[in-house]
Structures are given as C-alpha cells and as structure tokens.
Amino acid sequence: MLFLGTHTPKLDDKGRMFLPAKFRDRLAAGLVITRGQERCLYVYPLAEFERIATEMTATTTTSRDVRDYQRVFLSGASDEIPDKQGRVTIPQVLRDYAGLATECTVIGAGNRVEVWDSAAWNSYLDQVEPAFAERSEEVVPGLI
C-alpha cells in the first residue's frame, strides 16, 4: 500500500496532529518521524524505517557526507504510537525544524508520509509545479 494524496490537519497546542484517516491503519502499530529534505518531516511505518535505517547503517562511514546524513536523519528520529483517536505527537525539535505551528499539509509520498507547514508546502509547490507540468524528458529512468 502506498501513501497517496494531500490532507490538511491542524496541530493542537500540545503538538498533536490527527493522522489522515486513510493512513491510520498502516501507521497504527507504530511510526517514526524524522527530518526530511526541504524542511519537511518524513513519517515512516516502523518496519519501513527499520529497513531504511538498517540499509543506511550498513553503508561505509568513511565518507563525511554519509556520516553527516546519517547523524542528522537518525538523531532527529522519534518513534511514536498514535493514540486511540489517531493523533500523534510531533516532538518540539521536529516542529521547530519544519516550522510547524498550526496549519499543516500532510502528503502521501509513496513509502512515506510528509508533514509540511502549509505555507511552506504552498511555496514549494508554486516553485516546482510549473517545471513538473512542462517536463518532457524522463526524470526517473525507465519509469514513464
């Protein structure tokens, strides 16, 4: 099952957010929230995060770029279990990283969910959507 679509939940004053209903079953057993690219948060089902972390830690650490990426990605990770109402708490350090206040946009991004500040998401989309619409060459080799 892939995570798909765009949703707009709000953060409450305790840093909790309702997971979109269509994502809840897949995340009910546990999830990991961590720093993502472009100042969003990545949310993975626990098993998927464990797979990624295992692959990541199996790589060589002789490269400074690899060490830096592993440190930032893994040190920001927080394992969470949604409550009975489908809410998950986003730790303050991750809310600060992504600039989350109240208005959030949650998108399905295949094997993960991304959580964005809504203004940041709209700005990002304004920047990249025109190029997406005009793209004529293959971006992912062999895909389309």
N, C-alpha and C. Protein backbone atom coordinates (compact mmCIF):
# COMPACT_ATOMS: atom_id res chain seq x y z
N MET A 1 0.84 -1.19 0.00
CA MET A 1 0.00 0.00 0.00
C MET A 1 0.88 1.24 0.00
N LEU A 2 0.58 2.14 -0.87
CA LEU A 2 1.31 3.39 -0.95
C LEU A 2 0.55 4.49 -0.22
N PHE A 3 1.30 5.45 0.28
CA PHE A 3 0.69 6.64 0.85
C PHE A 3 0.50 7.63 -0.29
N LEU A 4 -0.74 8.09 -0.48
CA LEU A 4 -1.08 9.00 -1.57
C LEU A 4 -1.98 10.12 -1.07
N GLY A 5 -2.00 11.24 -1.77
CA GLY A 5 -2.95 12.29 -1.50
C GLY A 5 -2.41 13.42 -0.65
N THR A 6 -3.25 14.44 -0.49
CA THR A 6 -2.91 15.64 0.28
C THR A 6 -4.01 15.89 1.30
N HIS A 7 -3.60 16.18 2.52
CA HIS A 7 -4.53 16.39 3.63
C HIS A 7 -4.08 17.61 4.42
N THR A 8 -4.99 18.24 5.14
CA THR A 8 -4.65 19.46 5.87
C THR A 8 -5.12 19.43 7.33
N PRO A 9 -4.50 18.58 8.14
CA PRO A 9 -4.84 18.58 9.57
C PRO A 9 -4.19 19.77 10.27
N LYS A 10 -4.60 20.01 11.48
CA LYS A 10 -4.03 21.10 12.29
C LYS A 10 -3.29 20.50 13.48
N LEU A 11 -2.26 21.20 13.91
CA LEU A 11 -1.58 20.83 15.15
C LEU A 11 -2.31 21.48 16.30
N ASP A 12 -2.51 20.74 17.39
CA ASP A 12 -3.12 21.37 18.57
C ASP A 12 -2.02 22.00 19.43
N ASP A 13 -2.41 22.60 20.54
CA ASP A 13 -1.44 23.32 21.38
C ASP A 13 -0.45 22.39 22.08
N LYS A 14 -0.69 21.07 22.04
CA LYS A 14 0.25 20.12 22.62
C LYS A 14 1.15 19.47 21.57
N GLY A 15 1.07 19.96 20.33
CA GLY A 15 1.90 19.42 19.27
C GLY A 15 1.38 18.11 18.70
N ARG A 16 0.09 17.85 18.88
CA ARG A 16 -0.51 16.62 18.35
C ARG A 16 -1.24 16.92 17.04
N MET A 17 -1.24 15.93 16.17
CA MET A 17 -1.89 16.07 14.89
C MET A 17 -2.67 14.78 14.61
N PHE A 18 -3.88 14.94 14.09
CA PHE A 18 -4.64 13.77 13.65
C PHE A 18 -4.04 13.27 12.35
N LEU A 19 -3.71 11.99 12.32
CA LEU A 19 -3.25 11.38 11.08
C LEU A 19 -4.44 11.29 10.14
N PRO A 20 -4.23 11.49 8.85
CA PRO A 20 -5.33 11.30 7.90
C PRO A 20 -5.91 9.90 8.06
N ALA A 21 -7.23 9.80 8.03
CA ALA A 21 -7.91 8.52 8.27
C ALA A 21 -7.39 7.41 7.36
N LYS A 22 -7.12 7.73 6.11
CA LYS A 22 -6.68 6.68 5.18
C LYS A 22 -5.28 6.17 5.48
N PHE A 23 -4.51 6.85 6.35
CA PHE A 23 -3.16 6.42 6.71
C PHE A 23 -3.11 5.70 8.05
N ARG A 24 -4.15 5.81 8.83
CA ARG A 24 -4.11 5.34 10.23
C ARG A 24 -3.83 3.87 10.39
N ASP A 25 -4.50 3.02 9.62
CA ASP A 25 -4.30 1.58 9.79
C ASP A 25 -2.85 1.19 9.56
N ARG A 26 -2.23 1.76 8.55
CA ARG A 26 -0.85 1.41 8.22
C ARG A 26 0.14 1.92 9.26
N LEU A 27 -0.23 2.96 10.01
CA LEU A 27 0.67 3.56 11.00
C LEU A 27 0.30 3.20 12.44
N ALA A 28 -0.79 2.46 12.62
CA ALA A 28 -1.31 2.19 13.97
C ALA A 28 -0.34 1.42 14.85
N ALA A 29 0.46 0.54 14.28
CA ALA A 29 1.38 -0.29 15.07
C ALA A 29 2.64 0.47 15.48
N GLY A 30 2.82 1.64 14.95
CA GLY A 30 3.99 2.44 15.29
C GLY A 30 4.55 3.11 14.06
N LEU A 31 5.19 4.23 14.28
CA LEU A 31 5.74 5.02 13.19
C LEU A 31 6.98 5.74 13.69
N VAL A 32 7.75 6.24 12.75
CA VAL A 32 8.92 7.04 13.08
C VAL A 32 8.82 8.34 12.31
N ILE A 33 9.00 9.44 13.03
CA ILE A 33 9.01 10.78 12.43
C ILE A 33 10.46 11.26 12.48
N THR A 34 10.94 11.81 11.37
CA THR A 34 12.30 12.33 11.35
C THR A 34 12.41 13.52 10.40
N ARG A 35 13.57 14.15 10.40
CA ARG A 35 13.81 15.27 9.49
C ARG A 35 13.81 14.77 8.06
N GLY A 36 13.20 15.56 7.18
CA GLY A 36 13.21 15.27 5.76
C GLY A 36 13.86 16.41 4.99
N GLN A 37 13.93 16.24 3.69
CA GLN A 37 14.50 17.28 2.85
C GLN A 37 13.51 18.45 2.71
N GLU A 38 14.03 19.60 2.31
CA GLU A 38 13.23 20.82 2.12
C GLU A 38 12.47 21.23 3.38
N ARG A 39 13.01 20.89 4.54
CA ARG A 39 12.43 21.29 5.83
C ARG A 39 11.03 20.75 6.09
N CYS A 40 10.75 19.55 5.58
CA CYS A 40 9.51 18.87 5.95
C CYS A 40 9.90 17.73 6.88
N LEU A 41 8.92 17.00 7.37
CA LEU A 41 9.16 15.83 8.19
C LEU A 41 8.77 14.60 7.39
N TYR A 42 9.55 13.54 7.56
CA TYR A 42 9.20 12.25 6.97
C TYR A 42 8.59 11.39 8.06
N VAL A 43 7.53 10.70 7.73
CA VAL A 43 6.87 9.76 8.64
C VAL A 43 6.84 8.40 7.95
N TYR A 44 7.45 7.42 8.60
CA TYR A 44 7.51 6.07 8.06
C TYR A 44 6.80 5.10 9.00
N PRO A 45 6.16 4.06 8.44
CA PRO A 45 5.75 2.95 9.30
C PRO A 45 7.03 2.40 9.95
N LEU A 46 6.92 1.93 11.17
CA LEU A 46 8.09 1.48 11.92
C LEU A 46 8.93 0.47 11.13
N ALA A 47 8.30 -0.51 10.52
CA ALA A 47 9.04 -1.54 9.78
C ALA A 47 9.81 -0.95 8.60
N GLU A 48 9.21 0.02 7.91
CA GLU A 48 9.89 0.65 6.78
C GLU A 48 11.08 1.48 7.26
N PHE A 49 10.91 2.18 8.38
CA PHE A 49 12.03 2.96 8.91
C PHE A 49 13.17 2.03 9.33
N GLU A 50 12.84 0.92 9.96
CA GLU A 50 13.87 -0.04 10.36
C GLU A 50 14.63 -0.58 9.15
N ARG A 51 13.92 -0.83 8.06
CA ARG A 51 14.57 -1.30 6.83
C ARG A 51 15.54 -0.23 6.31
N ILE A 52 15.09 1.01 6.25
CA ILE A 52 15.92 2.11 5.75
C ILE A 52 17.12 2.32 6.66
N ALA A 53 16.90 2.33 7.97
CA ALA A 53 18.00 2.54 8.92
C ALA A 53 19.03 1.42 8.84
N THR A 54 18.56 0.19 8.65
CA THR A 54 19.48 -0.94 8.52
C THR A 54 20.35 -0.78 7.28
N GLU A 55 19.73 -0.43 6.16
CA GLU A 55 20.49 -0.20 4.93
C GLU A 55 21.47 0.96 5.10
N MET A 56 20.99 2.01 5.76
CA MET A 56 21.81 3.20 5.94
C MET A 56 23.04 2.91 6.80
N THR A 57 22.85 2.17 7.86
CA THR A 57 23.97 1.89 8.76
C THR A 57 24.91 0.82 8.21
N ALA A 58 24.49 0.13 7.15
CA ALA A 58 25.37 -0.85 6.52
C ALA A 58 26.34 -0.20 5.53
N THR A 59 26.10 1.07 5.22
CA THR A 59 27.00 1.76 4.29
C THR A 59 28.29 2.17 5.01
N THR A 60 29.29 2.46 4.22
CA THR A 60 30.57 2.86 4.79
C THR A 60 30.48 4.22 5.46
N THR A 61 31.18 4.36 6.55
CA THR A 61 31.19 5.65 7.23
C THR A 61 32.50 6.39 6.99
N THR A 62 33.23 5.98 5.96
CA THR A 62 34.47 6.69 5.64
C THR A 62 34.18 8.00 4.91
N SER A 63 32.99 8.13 4.36
CA SER A 63 32.59 9.37 3.68
C SER A 63 31.96 10.32 4.69
N ARG A 64 32.47 11.53 4.74
CA ARG A 64 31.91 12.53 5.65
C ARG A 64 30.45 12.82 5.31
N ASP A 65 30.09 12.88 4.01
CA ASP A 65 28.70 13.12 3.61
C ASP A 65 27.77 12.05 4.17
N VAL A 66 28.21 10.80 4.12
CA VAL A 66 27.40 9.69 4.66
C VAL A 66 27.22 9.87 6.16
N ARG A 67 28.30 10.14 6.86
CA ARG A 67 28.22 10.33 8.33
C ARG A 67 27.29 11.49 8.67
N ASP A 68 27.46 12.60 7.96
CA ASP A 68 26.63 13.78 8.24
C ASP A 68 25.15 13.47 8.02
N TYR A 69 24.84 12.81 6.90
CA TYR A 69 23.45 12.48 6.59
C TYR A 69 22.87 11.54 7.64
N GLN A 70 23.62 10.49 7.99
CA GLN A 70 23.15 9.54 9.00
C GLN A 70 22.88 10.24 10.32
N ARG A 71 23.80 11.10 10.72
CA ARG A 71 23.65 11.78 12.01
C ARG A 71 22.39 12.63 12.06
N VAL A 72 22.18 13.43 11.03
CA VAL A 72 21.02 14.33 11.02
C VAL A 72 19.73 13.53 10.90
N PHE A 73 19.71 12.56 10.00
CA PHE A 73 18.50 11.77 9.77
C PHE A 73 18.12 10.95 11.00
N LEU A 74 19.09 10.24 11.58
CA LEU A 74 18.79 9.34 12.69
C LEU A 74 18.65 10.07 14.03
N SER A 75 19.41 11.13 14.25
CA SER A 75 19.32 11.83 15.54
C SER A 75 17.99 12.56 15.70
N GLY A 76 17.35 12.89 14.60
CA GLY A 76 16.05 13.56 14.68
C GLY A 76 14.89 12.60 14.76
N ALA A 77 15.14 11.31 14.65
CA ALA A 77 14.06 10.33 14.59
C ALA A 77 13.39 10.13 15.94
N SER A 78 12.08 10.05 15.89
CA SER A 78 11.28 9.83 17.10
C SER A 78 10.24 8.76 16.81
N ASP A 79 10.30 7.65 17.57
CA ASP A 79 9.30 6.61 17.37
C ASP A 79 8.07 6.95 18.20
N GLU A 80 6.92 6.80 17.58
CA GLU A 80 5.65 7.19 18.18
C GLU A 80 4.60 6.12 17.91
N ILE A 81 3.59 6.09 18.76
CA ILE A 81 2.43 5.24 18.54
C ILE A 81 1.21 6.15 18.59
N PRO A 82 0.40 6.16 17.53
CA PRO A 82 -0.79 7.02 17.55
C PRO A 82 -1.72 6.63 18.70
N ASP A 83 -2.40 7.63 19.27
CA ASP A 83 -3.36 7.32 20.33
C ASP A 83 -4.63 6.74 19.71
N LYS A 84 -5.61 6.41 20.55
CA LYS A 84 -6.83 5.75 20.08
C LYS A 84 -7.65 6.62 19.13
N GLN A 85 -7.42 7.92 19.18
CA GLN A 85 -8.14 8.84 18.29
C GLN A 85 -7.39 9.08 16.98
N GLY A 86 -6.23 8.46 16.83
CA GLY A 86 -5.46 8.62 15.60
C GLY A 86 -4.55 9.84 15.61
N ARG A 87 -4.25 10.34 16.81
CA ARG A 87 -3.35 11.50 16.91
C ARG A 87 -1.94 11.03 17.22
N VAL A 88 -0.99 11.80 16.72
CA VAL A 88 0.41 11.53 17.01
C VAL A 88 1.04 12.85 17.47
N THR A 89 1.92 12.74 18.46
CA THR A 89 2.62 13.92 18.96
C THR A 89 3.90 14.11 18.15
N ILE A 90 4.09 15.31 17.66
CA ILE A 90 5.31 15.65 16.94
C ILE A 90 6.22 16.38 17.91
N PRO A 91 7.39 15.81 18.23
CA PRO A 91 8.28 16.44 19.20
C PRO A 91 8.65 17.87 18.80
N GLN A 92 8.88 18.70 19.82
CA GLN A 92 9.16 20.11 19.59
C GLN A 92 10.35 20.34 18.66
N VAL A 93 11.42 19.55 18.81
CA VAL A 93 12.60 19.73 17.95
C VAL A 93 12.24 19.53 16.48
N LEU A 94 11.34 18.61 16.19
CA LEU A 94 10.93 18.38 14.81
C LEU A 94 9.95 19.44 14.33
N ARG A 95 9.08 19.92 15.22
CA ARG A 95 8.19 21.03 14.86
C ARG A 95 9.01 22.26 14.51
N ASP A 96 10.06 22.51 15.30
CA ASP A 96 10.94 23.65 15.03
C ASP A 96 11.64 23.49 13.69
N TYR A 97 12.17 22.31 13.42
CA TYR A 97 12.88 22.04 12.17
C TYR A 97 11.99 22.33 10.96
N ALA A 98 10.75 21.88 11.01
CA ALA A 98 9.84 22.02 9.87
C ALA A 98 9.03 23.32 9.92
N GLY A 99 9.21 24.12 10.97
CA GLY A 99 8.47 25.37 11.07
C GLY A 99 6.98 25.16 11.27
N LEU A 100 6.61 24.07 11.94
CA LEU A 100 5.19 23.77 12.14
C LEU A 100 4.61 24.58 13.28
N ALA A 101 3.48 25.20 13.03
CA ALA A 101 2.76 25.94 14.07
C ALA A 101 1.37 25.32 14.23
N THR A 102 0.45 25.68 13.37
CA THR A 102 -0.91 25.14 13.43
C THR A 102 -1.33 24.50 12.12
N GLU A 103 -1.19 25.25 11.05
CA GLU A 103 -1.64 24.79 9.73
C GLU A 103 -0.60 23.85 9.11
N CYS A 104 -1.00 22.61 8.90
CA CYS A 104 -0.10 21.61 8.32
C CYS A 104 -0.68 21.05 7.03
N THR A 105 0.21 20.61 6.18
CA THR A 105 -0.19 19.84 5.00
C THR A 105 0.53 18.51 5.09
N VAL A 106 -0.24 17.45 4.97
CA VAL A 106 0.29 16.09 5.03
C VAL A 106 0.08 15.47 3.66
N ILE A 107 1.19 15.01 3.08
CA ILE A 107 1.09 14.41 1.75
C ILE A 107 1.55 12.96 1.79
N GLY A 108 0.93 12.15 0.97
CA GLY A 108 1.42 10.80 0.76
C GLY A 108 2.55 10.87 -0.26
N ALA A 109 3.67 10.23 0.04
CA ALA A 109 4.84 10.27 -0.84
C ALA A 109 5.36 8.85 -1.08
N GLY A 110 4.46 7.96 -1.42
CA GLY A 110 4.86 6.58 -1.71
C GLY A 110 5.05 5.77 -0.45
N ASN A 111 6.31 5.51 -0.08
CA ASN A 111 6.58 4.67 1.09
C ASN A 111 6.58 5.46 2.39
N ARG A 112 6.34 6.76 2.30
CA ARG A 112 6.34 7.61 3.49
C ARG A 112 5.26 8.66 3.39
N VAL A 113 5.03 9.31 4.51
CA VAL A 113 4.15 10.47 4.60
C VAL A 113 5.07 11.65 4.86
N GLU A 114 4.74 12.81 4.31
CA GLU A 114 5.49 14.02 4.62
C GLU A 114 4.58 15.01 5.30
N VAL A 115 5.12 15.70 6.30
CA VAL A 115 4.38 16.73 7.03
C VAL A 115 5.08 18.06 6.77
N TRP A 116 4.33 19.01 6.25
CA TRP A 116 4.83 20.33 5.90
C TRP A 116 4.04 21.41 6.63
N ASP A 117 4.70 22.51 6.91
CA ASP A 117 3.98 23.74 7.24
C ASP A 117 3.21 24.10 5.97
N SER A 118 1.93 24.43 6.09
CA SER A 118 1.11 24.65 4.90
C SER A 118 1.65 25.76 4.01
N ALA A 119 2.11 26.86 4.60
CA ALA A 119 2.66 27.95 3.79
C ALA A 119 3.92 27.49 3.04
N ALA A 120 4.77 26.71 3.71
CA ALA A 120 5.99 26.20 3.07
C ALA A 120 5.62 25.25 1.94
N TRP A 121 4.63 24.38 2.15
CA TRP A 121 4.21 23.46 1.10
C TRP A 121 3.70 24.23 -0.12
N ASN A 122 2.85 25.23 0.12
CA ASN A 122 2.30 26.01 -0.99
C ASN A 122 3.40 26.74 -1.75
N SER A 123 4.37 27.27 -1.04
CA SER A 123 5.50 27.94 -1.67
C SER A 123 6.33 26.95 -2.50
N TYR A 124 6.59 25.79 -1.93
CA TYR A 124 7.33 24.74 -2.63
C TYR A 124 6.60 24.35 -3.91
N LEU A 125 5.30 24.11 -3.81
CA LEU A 125 4.52 23.72 -4.97
C LEU A 125 4.53 24.80 -6.04
N ASP A 126 4.42 26.07 -5.62
CA ASP A 126 4.48 27.18 -6.58
C ASP A 126 5.79 27.17 -7.35
N GLN A 127 6.87 26.76 -6.69
CA GLN A 127 8.19 26.75 -7.33
C GLN A 127 8.37 25.56 -8.26
N VAL A 128 7.92 24.38 -7.87
CA VAL A 128 8.25 23.18 -8.64
C VAL A 128 7.15 22.70 -9.59
N GLU A 129 5.92 23.09 -9.34
CA GLU A 129 4.83 22.60 -10.17
C GLU A 129 4.94 23.05 -11.64
N PRO A 130 5.34 24.31 -11.93
CA PRO A 130 5.48 24.68 -13.35
C PRO A 130 6.48 23.80 -14.10
N ALA A 131 7.60 23.49 -13.48
CA ALA A 131 8.60 22.63 -14.13
C ALA A 131 8.04 21.21 -14.32
N PHE A 132 7.28 20.74 -13.34
CA PHE A 132 6.66 19.41 -13.46
C PHE A 132 5.72 19.37 -14.67
N ALA A 133 4.90 20.41 -14.81
CA ALA A 133 3.92 20.46 -15.89
C ALA A 133 4.59 20.53 -17.26
N GLU A 134 5.77 21.12 -17.32
CA GLU A 134 6.47 21.30 -18.58
C GLU A 134 7.50 20.21 -18.88
N ARG A 135 7.74 19.34 -17.94
CA ARG A 135 8.79 18.33 -18.09
C ARG A 135 8.47 17.41 -19.26
N SER A 136 9.41 17.28 -20.16
CA SER A 136 9.19 16.40 -21.30
C SER A 136 10.18 15.25 -21.33
N GLU A 137 11.30 15.38 -20.60
CA GLU A 137 12.25 14.29 -20.59
C GLU A 137 11.99 13.38 -19.39
N GLU A 138 12.57 12.24 -19.45
CA GLU A 138 12.41 11.25 -18.41
C GLU A 138 13.20 11.69 -17.17
N VAL A 139 12.54 11.77 -16.02
CA VAL A 139 13.20 12.15 -14.78
C VAL A 139 13.67 10.90 -14.05
N VAL A 140 12.80 9.91 -13.96
CA VAL A 140 13.15 8.64 -13.33
C VAL A 140 13.35 7.64 -14.47
N PRO A 141 14.60 7.26 -14.75
CA PRO A 141 14.88 6.38 -15.89
C PRO A 141 14.03 5.12 -15.91
N GLY A 142 13.42 4.86 -17.05
CA GLY A 142 12.64 3.65 -17.24
C GLY A 142 11.25 3.68 -16.68
N LEU A 143 10.84 4.79 -16.07
CA LEU A 143 9.53 4.83 -15.42
C LEU A 143 8.40 5.18 -16.38
N ILE A 144 8.54 6.30 -17.06
CA ILE A 144 7.44 6.75 -17.95
C ILE A 144 8.00 7.02 -19.33
